[in-house]
């Protein structure tokens, strides 16, 4: 089915999927293109997770004094798995609507900051430096959420749990830093 329009516009079909309007003709991306794009965003987001997974909590983290509200270690993997999947879908939705845009650039920046936090906290064992970085990450996520809203509100909503979790993670990072004082030089083991 083809609809004709006088000027280009952004349209959404009945399922909320964006459709392209070029030369007054509405066309949707092919299912194959959409699937390949989604797989690409999943790979990119889980690549960031893989970078973080290189740095395990280990004995150093086990030995830290923790606040009473510190969650059990088993909770982190399923939460982050769900969050990375939601991040990928959010990026994919915006990429389908806006292409490689400033919104996608900001998304990639926050993804890089996300990957860097684990290295700073667990790799270098520097909770203070990691806290400064997680504040920058939080601001980048908030900025990403705001700009994604202008392109695709659903994409922004998909990032809301991520922002909430990073808010919690920042509070936990600050508490761990406060409870354990300034660290010494990183261990070589």
Protein backbone atom coordinates (compact mmCIF):
# COMPACT_ATOMS: atom_id res chain seq x y z
CA UNK A 1 0.00 0.00 0.00
CA UNK A 2 1.38 3.43 -0.92
CA UNK A 3 0.21 6.74 0.47
CA UNK A 4 1.07 10.06 -1.16
CA UNK A 5 1.94 13.20 0.78
CA UNK A 6 2.65 16.74 -0.32
CA UNK A 7 5.77 17.16 1.84
CA UNK A 8 8.05 14.83 3.81
CA UNK A 9 6.86 13.95 7.30
CA UNK A 10 7.63 11.48 10.05
CA UNK A 11 4.85 8.96 10.37
CA UNK A 12 4.18 6.00 12.62
CA UNK A 13 2.11 3.01 11.66
CA UNK A 14 -0.51 1.53 13.95
CA UNK A 15 2.15 -0.38 15.92
CA UNK A 16 4.19 2.77 16.52
CA UNK A 17 6.85 1.78 13.99
CA UNK A 18 8.42 4.64 12.12
CA UNK A 19 8.05 4.71 8.36
CA UNK A 20 10.12 6.70 5.89
CA UNK A 21 8.56 9.35 3.73
CA UNK A 22 10.57 10.10 0.60
CA UNK A 23 9.26 11.98 -2.37
CA UNK A 24 5.81 11.81 -0.84
CA UNK A 25 5.74 7.98 -0.76
CA UNK A 26 5.63 6.03 2.49
CA UNK A 27 7.92 3.02 2.74
CA UNK A 28 9.02 0.94 5.70
CA UNK A 29 12.48 -0.63 6.08
CA UNK A 30 12.64 -4.26 5.06
CA UNK A 31 12.38 -6.88 7.78
CA UNK A 32 15.89 -8.09 6.94
CA UNK A 33 17.36 -4.58 7.26
CA UNK A 34 15.57 -4.09 10.56
CA UNK A 35 16.75 -7.45 11.93
CA UNK A 36 20.36 -6.86 10.87
CA UNK A 37 20.28 -3.44 12.51
CA UNK A 38 18.90 -4.86 15.75
CA UNK A 39 21.57 -7.57 15.83
CA UNK A 40 24.23 -4.91 15.23
CA UNK A 41 23.04 -2.84 18.19
CA UNK A 42 22.83 -5.92 20.40
CA UNK A 43 26.42 -6.83 19.46
CA UNK A 44 27.65 -3.29 20.17
CA UNK A 45 25.92 -3.05 23.55
CA UNK A 46 27.02 -6.49 24.66
CA UNK A 47 30.57 -5.68 23.49
CA UNK A 48 30.55 -2.91 26.10
CA UNK A 49 29.36 -5.50 28.62
CA UNK A 50 32.19 -7.83 27.57
CA UNK A 51 34.76 -5.10 28.23
CA UNK A 52 33.34 -4.70 31.72
CA UNK A 53 33.25 -8.46 32.28
CA UNK A 54 37.03 -8.60 31.89
CA UNK A 55 37.34 -6.99 35.33
CA UNK A 56 35.85 -9.26 37.97
CA UNK A 57 35.05 -8.14 41.51
CA UNK A 58 37.33 -10.80 43.02
CA UNK A 59 38.94 -10.85 46.45
CA UNK A 60 39.50 -7.08 46.51
CA UNK A 61 35.77 -6.35 46.25
CA UNK A 62 34.88 -9.17 48.64
CA UNK A 63 37.16 -7.57 51.22
CA UNK A 64 35.57 -4.11 51.03
CA UNK A 65 33.27 -2.86 53.76
CA UNK A 66 29.80 -2.58 52.22
CA UNK A 67 26.63 -0.77 53.20
CA UNK A 68 23.73 -2.85 54.53
CA UNK A 69 21.81 -2.17 51.29
CA UNK A 70 24.52 -3.64 49.04
CA UNK A 71 22.76 -6.13 46.73
CA UNK A 72 23.96 -9.73 46.46
CA UNK A 73 26.56 -10.33 43.76
CA UNK A 74 24.28 -12.71 41.81
CA UNK A 75 21.87 -9.85 41.07
CA UNK A 76 24.23 -7.79 38.92
CA UNK A 77 24.52 -10.13 35.90
CA UNK A 78 20.78 -10.55 35.21
CA UNK A 79 20.07 -6.86 35.78
CA UNK A 80 22.85 -5.75 33.45
CA UNK A 81 21.86 -8.32 30.83
CA UNK A 82 18.34 -6.92 30.73
CA UNK A 83 19.59 -3.32 30.72
CA UNK A 84 22.04 -3.92 27.85
CA UNK A 85 19.27 -5.55 25.80
CA UNK A 86 16.95 -2.60 26.47
CA UNK A 87 19.73 -0.16 25.57
CA UNK A 88 20.28 -1.97 22.27
CA UNK A 89 16.58 -1.84 21.38
CA UNK A 90 16.46 1.88 22.27
CA UNK A 91 19.46 2.64 20.05
CA UNK A 92 18.02 0.52 17.24
CA UNK A 93 14.68 2.35 17.33
CA UNK A 94 16.39 5.73 17.11
CA UNK A 95 18.86 4.56 14.46
CA UNK A 96 15.93 3.35 12.33
CA UNK A 97 14.25 6.76 12.64
CA UNK A 98 17.22 9.14 12.61
CA UNK A 99 20.19 7.18 11.24
CA UNK A 100 23.67 7.99 12.51
CA UNK A 101 22.63 11.19 14.22
CA UNK A 102 23.69 13.29 17.21
CA UNK A 103 21.34 11.16 19.29
CA UNK A 104 23.22 8.02 18.30
CA UNK A 105 26.56 9.75 18.90
CA UNK A 106 25.50 10.61 22.45
CA UNK A 107 24.28 7.04 22.93
CA UNK A 108 27.71 5.70 21.91
CA UNK A 109 29.47 8.17 24.24
CA UNK A 110 27.45 6.96 27.22
CA UNK A 111 28.13 3.36 26.18
CA UNK A 112 31.88 4.04 26.22
CA UNK A 113 31.57 5.65 29.66
CA UNK A 114 29.62 2.61 30.79
CA UNK A 115 32.42 0.28 29.71
CA UNK A 116 35.07 2.47 31.35
CA UNK A 117 33.50 2.42 34.82
CA UNK A 118 34.19 -1.28 35.45
CA UNK A 119 37.82 -0.84 34.46
CA UNK A 120 38.22 2.10 36.85
CA UNK A 121 36.42 0.47 39.78
CA UNK A 122 37.40 -3.20 39.53
CA UNK A 123 40.44 -3.04 37.23
CA UNK A 124 42.29 -0.12 38.81
CA UNK A 125 40.53 -0.53 42.18
CA UNK A 126 39.88 3.22 42.32
CA UNK A 127 36.40 3.84 43.75
CA UNK A 128 36.99 7.61 43.95
CA UNK A 129 37.93 7.92 40.30
CA UNK A 130 35.13 5.53 39.37
CA UNK A 131 32.67 7.76 41.25
CA UNK A 132 33.72 10.82 39.24
CA UNK A 133 33.31 8.75 36.08
CA UNK A 134 29.89 7.38 37.06
CA UNK A 135 28.64 10.93 37.62
CA UNK A 136 29.73 11.72 34.05
CA UNK A 137 28.03 8.50 32.90
CA UNK A 138 24.81 9.45 34.72
CA UNK A 139 24.81 12.88 33.04
CA UNK A 140 25.46 11.27 29.64
CA UNK A 141 22.59 8.80 30.15
CA UNK A 142 20.25 11.62 31.18
CA UNK A 143 21.28 13.66 28.13
CA UNK A 144 20.82 10.63 25.90
CA UNK A 145 17.38 9.95 27.34
CA UNK A 146 16.32 13.56 26.72
CA UNK A 147 17.48 13.66 23.09
CA UNK A 148 16.07 10.21 22.34
CA UNK A 149 12.67 11.41 23.57
CA UNK A 150 12.58 13.94 20.74
CA UNK A 151 13.13 11.20 18.15
CA UNK A 152 11.35 8.21 19.67
CA UNK A 153 9.75 8.43 23.14
CA UNK A 154 9.69 4.64 23.49
CA UNK A 155 13.48 4.58 23.13
CA UNK A 156 13.82 7.10 25.95
CA UNK A 157 11.49 5.06 28.14
CA UNK A 158 13.64 1.99 27.50
CA UNK A 159 16.61 3.89 28.98
CA UNK A 160 14.75 4.94 32.16
CA UNK A 161 15.50 1.71 34.09
CA UNK A 162 19.16 2.05 33.07
CA UNK A 163 19.26 5.59 34.48
CA UNK A 164 17.60 4.34 37.69
CA UNK A 165 20.11 1.48 38.04
CA UNK A 166 23.09 3.77 37.42
CA UNK A 167 21.67 6.16 40.03
CA UNK A 168 21.69 3.26 42.49
CA UNK A 169 25.16 2.18 41.31
CA UNK A 170 26.48 5.72 41.84
CA UNK A 171 25.12 5.76 45.39
CA UNK A 172 26.70 2.36 46.03
CA UNK A 173 30.00 3.51 44.51
CA UNK A 174 29.99 6.59 46.77
CA UNK A 175 29.19 4.48 49.84
CA UNK A 176 31.96 2.00 49.06
CA UNK A 177 34.42 4.84 48.56
CA UNK A 178 33.38 6.49 51.82
CA UNK A 179 33.41 3.25 53.84
CA UNK A 180 36.80 2.11 52.54
CA UNK A 181 38.79 5.34 52.40
CA UNK A 182 41.31 6.32 49.77
CA UNK A 183 42.88 3.29 48.07
CA UNK A 184 46.55 2.65 47.77
CA UNK A 185 48.24 1.98 44.45
CA UNK A 186 46.59 -0.74 42.37
CA UNK A 187 47.76 -4.25 43.10
CA UNK A 188 49.79 -6.03 40.44
CA UNK A 189 48.05 -9.34 41.09
